[in-house]
Amino acid sequence: MQANTVLKSTLITLLAVGALGTAASASAGGKMGHGKMVKCYGVNAAYKNDCKSPGHSCAGQDAKARDPNAFIAMPAGLCEKLAGGSTEPADKKG
């Protein structure tokens, strides 16, 4: 079961890195937000969040993959295209 979790986290990370690479290329052409970065919640891999989340105060400390209250920075317009991606944390939605 732990190997399954590691595999899922690795796949999420690879997909996010690929999406960021594609977005960076598109952004260089001026099509996806003109270089503006936004916080995207719910798409992080375990220990790959960009900043503070409930339960800790530093980047890279969120042990939960796809935490709806942890974010990674990405080009504007990309977050909404990712499954589970949101520009607002779950604790502020309801």
PDB file of N, CA and C in Angstrom:
ATOM      1  N   MET A   1       0.822  -1.191   0.000  1.00  0.00           N
ATOM      2  CA  MET A   1       0.000   0.000   0.000  1.00  0.00           C
ATOM      3  C   MET A   1       0.870   1.260   0.000  1.00  0.00           C
ATOM      4  N   GLN A   2       1.956   1.251   0.740  1.00  0.00           N
ATOM      5  CA  GLN A   2       2.829   2.410   0.764  1.00  0.00           C
ATOM      6  C   GLN A   2       3.461   2.626  -0.607  1.00  0.00           C
ATOM      7  N   ALA A   3       3.812   1.560  -1.298  1.00  0.00           N
ATOM      8  CA  ALA A   3       4.381   1.686  -2.642  1.00  0.00           C
ATOM      9  C   ALA A   3       3.361   2.308  -3.580  1.00  0.00           C
ATOM     10  N   ASN A   4       2.091   1.980  -3.412  1.00  0.00           N
ATOM     11  CA  ASN A   4       1.035   2.556  -4.227  1.00  0.00           C
ATOM     12  C   ASN A   4       0.936   4.065  -3.994  1.00  0.00           C
ATOM     13  N   THR A   5       1.034   4.485  -2.743  1.00  0.00           N
ATOM     14  CA  THR A   5       0.987   5.904  -2.406  1.00  0.00           C
ATOM     15  C   THR A   5       2.177   6.639  -3.000  1.00  0.00           C
ATOM     16  N   VAL A   6       3.353   6.049  -2.917  1.00  0.00           N
ATOM     17  CA  VAL A   6       4.557   6.654  -3.483  1.00  0.00           C
ATOM     18  C   VAL A   6       4.409   6.774  -4.997  1.00  0.00           C
ATOM     19  N   LEU A   7       3.888   5.733  -5.630  1.00  0.00           N
ATOM     20  CA  LEU A   7       3.691   5.752  -7.078  1.00  0.00           C
ATOM     21  C   LEU A   7       2.709   6.847  -7.471  1.00  0.00           C
ATOM     22  N   LYS A   8       1.608   6.982  -6.759  1.00  0.00           N
ATOM     23  CA  LYS A   8       0.633   8.024  -7.058  1.00  0.00           C
ATOM     24  C   LYS A   8       1.243   9.417  -6.895  1.00  0.00           C
ATOM     25  N   SER A   9       1.991   9.611  -5.823  1.00  0.00           N
ATOM     26  CA  SER A   9       2.626  10.906  -5.600  1.00  0.00           C
ATOM     27  C   SER A   9       3.630  11.227  -6.701  1.00  0.00           C
ATOM     28  N   THR A  10       4.381  10.220  -7.123  1.00  0.00           N
ATOM     29  CA  THR A  10       5.358  10.415  -8.194  1.00  0.00           C
ATOM     30  C   THR A  10       4.652  10.779  -9.487  1.00  0.00           C
ATOM     31  N   LEU A  11       3.570  10.091  -9.803  1.00  0.00           N
ATOM     32  CA  LEU A  11       2.827  10.396 -11.027  1.00  0.00           C
ATOM     33  C   LEU A  11       2.241  11.805 -10.991  1.00  0.00           C
ATOM     34  N   ILE A  12       1.700  12.200  -9.853  1.00  0.00           N
ATOM     35  CA  ILE A  12       1.147  13.546  -9.719  1.00  0.00           C
ATOM     36  C   ILE A  12       2.246  14.579  -9.932  1.00  0.00           C
ATOM     37  N   THR A  13       3.400  14.341  -9.330  1.00  0.00           N
ATOM     38  CA  THR A  13       4.521  15.263  -9.488  1.00  0.00           C
ATOM     39  C   THR A  13       4.946  15.363 -10.944  1.00  0.00           C
ATOM     40  N   LEU A  14       5.070  14.221 -11.613  1.00  0.00           N
ATOM     41  CA  LEU A  14       5.474  14.228 -13.017  1.00  0.00           C
ATOM     42  C   LEU A  14       4.452  14.945 -13.895  1.00  0.00           C
ATOM     43  N   LEU A  15       3.183  14.715 -13.624  1.00  0.00           N
ATOM     44  CA  LEU A  15       2.146  15.406 -14.394  1.00  0.00           C
ATOM     45  C   LEU A  15       2.191  16.914 -14.155  1.00  0.00           C
ATOM     46  N   ALA A  16       2.377  17.308 -12.915  1.00  0.00           N
ATOM     47  CA  ALA A  16       2.445  18.733 -12.597  1.00  0.00           C
ATOM     48  C   ALA A  16       3.662  19.380 -13.245  1.00  0.00           C
ATOM     49  N   VAL A  17       4.803  18.707 -13.202  1.00  0.00           N
ATOM     50  CA  VAL A  17       6.020  19.242 -13.813  1.00  0.00           C
ATOM     51  C   VAL A  17       5.829  19.366 -15.325  1.00  0.00           C
ATOM     52  N   GLY A  18       5.221  18.356 -15.932  1.00  0.00           N
ATOM     53  CA  GLY A  18       4.958  18.415 -17.368  1.00  0.00           C
ATOM     54  C   GLY A  18       4.001  19.539 -17.716  1.00  0.00           C
ATOM     55  N   ALA A  19       2.958  19.692 -16.902  1.00  0.00           N
ATOM     56  CA  ALA A  19       1.994  20.765 -17.136  1.00  0.00           C
ATOM     57  C   ALA A  19       2.646  22.126 -16.957  1.00  0.00           C
ATOM     58  N   LEU A  20       3.504  22.257 -15.958  1.00  0.00           N
ATOM     59  CA  LEU A  20       4.194  23.526 -15.748  1.00  0.00           C
ATOM     60  C   LEU A  20       5.134  23.839 -16.900  1.00  0.00           C
ATOM     61  N   GLY A  21       5.811  22.816 -17.409  1.00  0.00           N
ATOM     62  CA  GLY A  21       6.699  23.018 -18.556  1.00  0.00           C
ATOM     63  C   GLY A  21       5.928  23.470 -19.774  1.00  0.00           C
ATOM     64  N   THR A  22       4.781  22.850 -20.011  1.00  0.00           N
ATOM     65  CA  THR A  22       3.930  23.234 -21.134  1.00  0.00           C
ATOM     66  C   THR A  22       3.403  24.645 -20.933  1.00  0.00           C
ATOM     67  N   ALA A  23       2.981  24.941 -19.710  1.00  0.00           N
ATOM     68  CA  ALA A  23       2.455  26.272 -19.423  1.00  0.00           C
ATOM     69  C   ALA A  23       3.535  27.334 -19.556  1.00  0.00           C
ATOM     70  N   ALA A  24       4.746  27.017 -19.135  1.00  0.00           N
ATOM     71  CA  ALA A  24       5.841  27.977 -19.253  1.00  0.00           C
ATOM     72  C   ALA A  24       6.114  28.276 -20.714  1.00  0.00           C
ATOM     73  N   SER A  25       6.063  27.260 -21.551  1.00  0.00           N
ATOM     74  CA  SER A  25       6.276  27.467 -22.982  1.00  0.00           C
ATOM     75  C   SER A  25       5.167  28.325 -23.567  1.00  0.00           C
ATOM     76  N   ALA A  26       3.929  28.016 -23.198  1.00  0.00           N
ATOM     77  CA  ALA A  26       2.800  28.789 -23.705  1.00  0.00           C
ATOM     78  C   ALA A  26       2.826  30.208 -23.162  1.00  0.00           C
ATOM     79  N   SER A  27       3.213  30.346 -21.898  1.00  0.00           N
ATOM     80  CA  SER A  27       3.263  31.655 -21.276  1.00  0.00           C
ATOM     81  C   SER A  27       4.316  32.533 -21.929  1.00  0.00           C
ATOM     82  N   ALA A  28       5.392  31.928 -22.360  1.00  0.00           N
ATOM     83  CA  ALA A  28       6.432  32.690 -23.046  1.00  0.00           C
ATOM     84  C   ALA A  28       5.873  33.294 -24.322  1.00  0.00           C
ATOM     85  N   GLY A  29       4.900  32.618 -24.912  1.00  0.00           N
ATOM     86  CA  GLY A  29       4.249  33.142 -26.102  1.00  0.00           C
ATOM     87  C   GLY A  29       3.136  34.115 -25.769  1.00  0.00           C
ATOM     88  N   GLY A  30       2.826  34.292 -24.491  1.00  0.00           N
ATOM     89  CA  GLY A  30       1.831  35.262 -24.059  1.00  0.00           C
ATOM     90  C   GLY A  30       0.406  34.753 -24.065  1.00  0.00           C
ATOM     91  N   LYS A  31       0.181  33.449 -24.073  1.00  0.00           N
ATOM     92  CA  LYS A  31      -1.174  32.927 -24.189  1.00  0.00           C
ATOM     93  C   LYS A  31      -1.803  32.518 -22.866  1.00  0.00           C
ATOM     94  N   MET A  32      -1.056  32.304 -21.802  1.00  0.00           N
ATOM     95  CA  MET A  32      -1.643  31.781 -20.559  1.00  0.00           C
ATOM     96  C   MET A  32      -1.380  32.693 -19.374  1.00  0.00           C
ATOM     97  N   GLY A  33      -1.867  33.867 -19.362  1.00  0.00           N
ATOM     98  CA  GLY A  33      -1.771  34.686 -18.174  1.00  0.00           C
ATOM     99  C   GLY A  33      -0.614  35.658 -18.184  1.00  0.00           C
ATOM    100  N   HIS A  34       0.119  35.745 -19.254  1.00  0.00           N
ATOM    101  CA  HIS A  34       1.190  36.714 -19.404  1.00  0.00           C
ATOM    102  C   HIS A  34       2.202  36.680 -18.273  1.00  0.00           C
ATOM    103  N   GLY A  35       2.555  35.496 -17.807  1.00  0.00           N
ATOM    104  CA  GLY A  35       3.586  35.339 -16.797  1.00  0.00           C
ATOM    105  C   GLY A  35       3.097  35.474 -15.359  1.00  0.00           C
ATOM    106  N   LYS A  36       1.824  35.773 -15.148  1.00  0.00           N
ATOM    107  CA  LYS A  36       1.284  35.911 -13.798  1.00  0.00           C
ATOM    108  C   LYS A  36       1.185  34.538 -13.147  1.00  0.00           C
ATOM    109  N   MET A  37       1.642  34.433 -11.911  1.00  0.00           N
ATOM    110  CA  MET A  37       1.573  33.181 -11.154  1.00  0.00           C
ATOM    111  C   MET A  37       0.433  33.279 -10.142  1.00  0.00           C
ATOM    112  N   VAL A  38      -0.264  32.158  -9.948  1.00  0.00           N
ATOM    113  CA  VAL A  38      -1.354  32.087  -8.974  1.00  0.00           C
ATOM    114  C   VAL A  38      -1.126  30.897  -8.048  1.00  0.00           C
ATOM    115  N   LYS A  39      -1.785  30.922  -6.906  1.00  0.00           N
ATOM    116  CA  LYS A  39      -1.739  29.797  -5.978  1.00  0.00           C
ATOM    117  C   LYS A  39      -2.763  28.771  -6.432  1.00  0.00           C
ATOM    118  N   CYS A  40      -2.337  27.528  -6.616  1.00  0.00           N
ATOM    119  CA  CYS A  40      -3.233  26.460  -7.030  1.00  0.00           C
ATOM    120  C   CYS A  40      -3.290  25.425  -5.907  1.00  0.00           C
ATOM    121  N   TYR A  41      -4.463  25.275  -5.303  1.00  0.00           N
ATOM    122  CA  TYR A  41      -4.660  24.376  -4.175  1.00  0.00           C
ATOM    123  C   TYR A  41      -5.149  23.014  -4.649  1.00  0.00           C
ATOM    124  N   GLY A  42      -4.737  21.962  -3.947  1.00  0.00           N
ATOM    125  CA  GLY A  42      -5.257  20.630  -4.192  1.00  0.00           C
ATOM    126  C   GLY A  42      -4.523  19.819  -5.239  1.00  0.00           C
ATOM    127  N   VAL A  43      -3.384  20.280  -5.706  1.00  0.00           N
ATOM    128  CA  VAL A  43      -2.660  19.538  -6.746  1.00  0.00           C
ATOM    129  C   VAL A  43      -1.223  19.207  -6.342  1.00  0.00           C
ATOM    130  N   ASN A  44      -0.870  19.486  -5.103  1.00  0.00           N
ATOM    131  CA  ASN A  44       0.503  19.245  -4.652  1.00  0.00           C
ATOM    132  C   ASN A  44       0.796  17.754  -4.501  1.00  0.00           C
ATOM    133  N   ALA A  45       2.052  17.402  -4.659  1.00  0.00           N
ATOM    134  CA  ALA A  45       2.522  16.062  -4.304  1.00  0.00           C
ATOM    135  C   ALA A  45       2.961  16.121  -2.837  1.00  0.00           C
ATOM    136  N   ALA A  46       3.066  14.992  -2.192  1.00  0.00           N
ATOM    137  CA  ALA A  46       3.501  14.973  -0.793  1.00  0.00           C
ATOM    138  C   ALA A  46       4.872  15.635  -0.675  1.00  0.00           C
ATOM    139  N   TYR A  47       5.007  16.510   0.291  1.00  0.00           N
ATOM    140  CA  TYR A  47       6.243  17.252   0.592  1.00  0.00           C
ATOM    141  C   TYR A  47       6.676  18.176  -0.546  1.00  0.00           C
ATOM    142  N   LYS A  48       5.744  18.578  -1.406  1.00  0.00           N
ATOM    143  CA  LYS A  48       6.077  19.459  -2.530  1.00  0.00           C
ATOM    144  C   LYS A  48       5.210  20.714  -2.556  1.00  0.00           C
ATOM    145  N   ASN A  49       4.648  21.105  -1.421  1.00  0.00           N
ATOM    146  CA  ASN A  49       3.854  22.327  -1.376  1.00  0.00           C
ATOM    147  C   ASN A  49       4.782  23.539  -1.363  1.00  0.00           C
ATOM    148  N   ASP A  50       4.269  24.686  -1.783  1.00  0.00           N
ATOM    149  CA  ASP A  50       5.090  25.893  -1.853  1.00  0.00           C
ATOM    150  C   ASP A  50       5.120  26.705  -0.565  1.00  0.00           C
ATOM    151  N   CYS A  51       4.119  26.600   0.271  1.00  0.00           N
ATOM    152  CA  CYS A  51       4.118  27.437   1.461  1.00  0.00           C
ATOM    153  C   CYS A  51       3.267  26.830   2.563  1.00  0.00           C
ATOM    154  N   LYS A  52       3.065  27.601   3.588  1.00  0.00           N
ATOM    155  CA  LYS A  52       2.333  27.204   4.797  1.00  0.00           C
ATOM    156  C   LYS A  52       0.970  26.599   4.488  1.00  0.00           C
ATOM    157  N   SER A  53       0.613  25.578   5.247  1.00  0.00           N
ATOM    158  CA  SER A  53      -0.713  24.950   5.211  1.00  0.00           C
ATOM    159  C   SER A  53      -1.109  24.667   6.651  1.00  0.00           C
ATOM    160  N   PRO A  54      -2.369  24.354   6.893  1.00  0.00           N
ATOM    161  CA  PRO A  54      -2.756  24.001   8.267  1.00  0.00           C
ATOM    162  C   PRO A  54      -1.911  22.841   8.791  1.00  0.00           C
ATOM    163  N   GLY A  55      -1.325  23.012   9.958  1.00  0.00           N
ATOM    164  CA  GLY A  55      -0.528  21.946  10.569  1.00  0.00           C
ATOM    165  C   GLY A  55       0.970  22.141  10.469  1.00  0.00           C
ATOM    166  N   HIS A  56       1.421  23.072   9.629  1.00  0.00           N
ATOM    167  CA  HIS A  56       2.853  23.368   9.515  1.00  0.00           C
ATOM    168  C   HIS A  56       3.025  24.774   8.955  1.00  0.00           C
ATOM    169  N   SER A  57       4.244  25.275   8.998  1.00  0.00           N
ATOM    170  CA  SER A  57       4.448  26.666   8.579  1.00  0.00           C
ATOM    171  C   SER A  57       5.507  26.850   7.506  1.00  0.00           C
ATOM    172  N   CYS A  58       5.951  25.769   6.875  1.00  0.00           N
ATOM    173  CA  CYS A  58       7.015  25.917   5.885  1.00  0.00           C
ATOM    174  C   CYS A  58       6.718  25.155   4.607  1.00  0.00           C
ATOM    175  N   ALA A  59       7.345  25.583   3.535  1.00  0.00           N
ATOM    176  CA  ALA A  59       7.224  24.884   2.255  1.00  0.00           C
ATOM    177  C   ALA A  59       7.831  23.491   2.370  1.00  0.00           C
ATOM    178  N   GLY A  60       7.264  22.556   1.637  1.00  0.00           N
ATOM    179  CA  GLY A  60       7.804  21.207   1.590  1.00  0.00           C
ATOM    180  C   GLY A  60       7.503  20.345   2.795  1.00  0.00           C
ATOM    181  N   GLN A  61       6.592  20.757   3.658  1.00  0.00           N
ATOM    182  CA  GLN A  61       6.309  19.972   4.858  1.00  0.00           C
ATOM    183  C   GLN A  61       4.956  19.284   4.850  1.00  0.00           C
ATOM    184  N   ASP A  62       4.179  19.457   3.807  1.00  0.00           N
ATOM    185  CA  ASP A  62       2.853  18.847   3.776  1.00  0.00           C
ATOM    186  C   ASP A  62       2.959  17.392   3.337  1.00  0.00           C
ATOM    187  N   ALA A  63       2.715  16.481   4.258  1.00  0.00           N
ATOM    188  CA  ALA A  63       2.853  15.048   3.975  1.00  0.00           C
ATOM    189  C   ALA A  63       1.700  14.505   3.139  1.00  0.00           C
ATOM    190  N   LYS A  64       0.627  15.262   2.998  1.00  0.00           N
ATOM    191  CA  LYS A  64      -0.559  14.797   2.277  1.00  0.00           C
ATOM    192  C   LYS A  64      -0.527  15.282   0.825  1.00  0.00           C
ATOM    193  N   ALA A  65      -0.542  14.351  -0.113  1.00  0.00           N
ATOM    194  CA  ALA A  65      -0.631  14.710  -1.527  1.00  0.00           C
ATOM    195  C   ALA A  65      -2.049  15.194  -1.831  1.00  0.00           C
ATOM    196  N   ARG A  66      -2.168  16.142  -2.754  1.00  0.00           N
ATOM    197  CA  ARG A  66      -3.449  16.700  -3.187  1.00  0.00           C
ATOM    198  C   ARG A  66      -4.237  17.295  -2.017  1.00  0.00           C
ATOM    199  N   ASP A  67      -3.507  17.932  -1.111  1.00  0.00           N
ATOM    200  CA  ASP A  67      -4.123  18.583   0.048  1.00  0.00           C
ATOM    201  C   ASP A  67      -4.908  19.809  -0.436  1.00  0.00           C
ATOM    202  N   PRO A  68      -6.210  19.880  -0.157  1.00  0.00           N
ATOM    203  CA  PRO A  68      -7.002  21.008  -0.643  1.00  0.00           C
ATOM    204  C   PRO A  68      -6.681  22.336   0.037  1.00  0.00           C
ATOM    205  N   ASN A  69      -5.802  22.318   1.047  1.00  0.00           N
ATOM    206  CA  ASN A  69      -5.392  23.550   1.710  1.00  0.00           C
ATOM    207  C   ASN A  69      -3.918  23.874   1.472  1.00  0.00           C
ATOM    208  N   ALA A  70      -3.239  23.098   0.638  1.00  0.00           N
ATOM    209  CA  ALA A  70      -1.839  23.357   0.304  1.00  0.00           C
ATOM    210  C   ALA A  70      -1.776  23.796  -1.157  1.00  0.00           C
ATOM    211  N   PHE A  71      -0.846  24.723  -1.453  1.00  0.00           N
ATOM    212  CA  PHE A  71      -0.784  25.204  -2.825  1.00  0.00           C
ATOM    213  C   PHE A  71       0.609  25.073  -3.420  1.00  0.00           C
ATOM    214  N   ILE A  72       0.620  25.134  -4.742  1.00  0.00           N
ATOM    215  CA  ILE A  72       1.850  25.327  -5.492  1.00  0.00           C
ATOM    216  C   ILE A  72       1.586  26.492  -6.438  1.00  0.00           C
ATOM    217  N   ALA A  73       2.588  27.267  -6.722  1.00  0.00           N
ATOM    218  CA  ALA A  73       2.443  28.396  -7.639  1.00  0.00           C
ATOM    219  C   ALA A  73       2.538  27.894  -9.070  1.00  0.00           C
ATOM    220  N   MET A  74       1.641  28.398  -9.905  1.00  0.00           N
ATOM    221  CA  MET A  74       1.674  28.015 -11.316  1.00  0.00           C
ATOM    222  C   MET A  74       1.099  29.154 -12.149  1.00  0.00           C
ATOM    223  N   PRO A  75       1.346  29.129 -13.448  1.00  0.00           N
ATOM    224  CA  PRO A  75       0.850  30.202 -14.309  1.00  0.00           C
ATOM    225  C   PRO A  75      -0.672  30.316 -14.270  1.00  0.00           C
ATOM    226  N   ALA A  76      -1.156  31.537 -14.313  1.00  0.00           N
ATOM    227  CA  ALA A  76      -2.591  31.799 -14.307  1.00  0.00           C
ATOM    228  C   ALA A  76      -3.256  31.064 -15.460  1.00  0.00           C
ATOM    229  N   GLY A  77      -4.417  30.486 -15.185  1.00  0.00           N
ATOM    230  CA  GLY A  77      -5.174  29.781 -16.201  1.00  0.00           C
ATOM    231  C   GLY A  77      -4.948  28.285 -16.222  1.00  0.00           C
ATOM    232  N   LEU A  78      -3.870  27.820 -15.615  1.00  0.00           N
ATOM    233  CA  LEU A  78      -3.562  26.391 -15.637  1.00  0.00           C
ATOM    234  C   LEU A  78      -4.264  25.635 -14.513  1.00  0.00           C
ATOM    235  N   CYS A  79      -4.408  26.238 -13.355  1.00  0.00           N
ATOM    236  CA  CYS A  79      -4.942  25.559 -12.180  1.00  0.00           C
ATOM    237  C   CYS A  79      -6.316  24.963 -12.435  1.00  0.00           C
ATOM    238  N   GLU A  80      -7.197  25.732 -13.039  1.00  0.00           N
ATOM    239  CA  GLU A  80      -8.563  25.284 -13.270  1.00  0.00           C
ATOM    240  C   GLU A  80      -8.620  24.102 -14.234  1.00  0.00           C
ATOM    241  N   LYS A  81      -7.574  23.902 -15.013  1.00  0.00           N
ATOM    242  CA  LYS A  81      -7.541  22.808 -15.979  1.00  0.00           C
ATOM    243  C   LYS A  81      -7.088  21.489 -15.355  1.00  0.00           C
ATOM    244  N   LEU A  82      -6.520  21.532 -14.153  1.00  0.00           N
ATOM    245  CA  LEU A  82      -6.040  20.329 -13.479  1.00  0.00           C
ATOM    246  C   LEU A  82      -7.135  19.736 -12.604  1.00  0.00           C
ATOM    247  N   ALA A  83      -7.258  18.425 -12.628  1.00  0.00           N
ATOM    248  CA  ALA A  83      -8.254  17.749 -11.796  1.00  0.00           C
ATOM    249  C   ALA A  83      -7.987  18.052 -10.330  1.00  0.00           C
ATOM    250  N   GLY A  84      -8.963  18.574  -9.630  1.00  0.00           N
ATOM    251  CA  GLY A  84      -8.830  18.903  -8.218  1.00  0.00           C
ATOM    252  C   GLY A  84      -8.227  20.265  -7.955  1.00  0.00           C
ATOM    253  N   GLY A  85      -7.829  20.969  -8.996  1.00  0.00           N
ATOM    254  CA  GLY A  85      -7.205  22.278  -8.826  1.00  0.00           C
ATOM    255  C   GLY A  85      -8.210  23.366  -8.503  1.00  0.00           C
ATOM    256  N   SER A  86      -7.833  24.257  -7.592  1.00  0.00           N
ATOM    257  CA  SER A  86      -8.681  25.362  -7.194  1.00  0.00           C
ATOM    258  C   SER A  86      -7.796  26.545  -6.809  1.00  0.00           C
ATOM    259  N   THR A  87      -8.254  27.755  -7.077  1.00  0.00           N
ATOM    260  CA  THR A  87      -7.485  28.932  -6.697  1.00  0.00           C
ATOM    261  C   THR A  87      -7.821  29.397  -5.280  1.00  0.00           C
ATOM    262  N   GLU A  88      -8.675  28.652  -4.585  1.00  0.00           N
ATOM    263  CA  GLU A  88      -9.001  28.953  -3.185  1.00  0.00           C
ATOM    264  C   GLU A  88      -8.797  27.700  -2.332  1.00  0.00           C
ATOM    265  N   PRO A  89      -8.289  27.863  -1.110  1.00  0.00           N
ATOM    266  CA  PRO A  89      -8.149  26.700  -0.227  1.00  0.00           C
ATOM    267  C   PRO A  89      -9.515  26.183   0.217  1.00  0.00           C
ATOM    268  N   ALA A  90      -9.600  24.920   0.547  1.00  0.00           N
ATOM    269  CA  ALA A  90     -10.865  24.306   0.963  1.00  0.00           C
ATOM    270  C   ALA A  90     -11.410  24.934   2.238  1.00  0.00           C
ATOM    271  N   ASP A  91     -10.540  25.334   3.155  1.00  0.00           N
ATOM    272  CA  ASP A  91     -11.031  25.884   4.422  1.00  0.00           C
ATOM    273  C   ASP A  91     -11.681  27.265   4.264  1.00  0.00           C
ATOM    274  N   LYS A  92     -11.514  27.918   3.117  1.00  0.00           N
ATOM    275  CA  LYS A  92     -12.154  29.217   2.882  1.00  0.00           C
ATOM    276  C   LYS A  92     -13.396  29.096   2.007  1.00  0.00           C
ATOM    277  N   LYS A  93     -13.638  27.927   1.431  1.00  0.00           N
ATOM    278  CA  LYS A  93     -14.765  27.755   0.519  1.00  0.00           C
ATOM    279  C   LYS A  93     -16.102  27.624   1.229  1.00  0.00           C
ATOM    280  N   GLY A  94     -16.104  27.016   2.378  1.00  0.00           N
ATOM    281  CA  GLY A  94     -17.406  26.788   2.984  1.00  0.00           C
ATOM    282  C   GLY A  94     -17.381  27.025   4.399  1.00  0.00           C
TER     283      GLY A  94
END
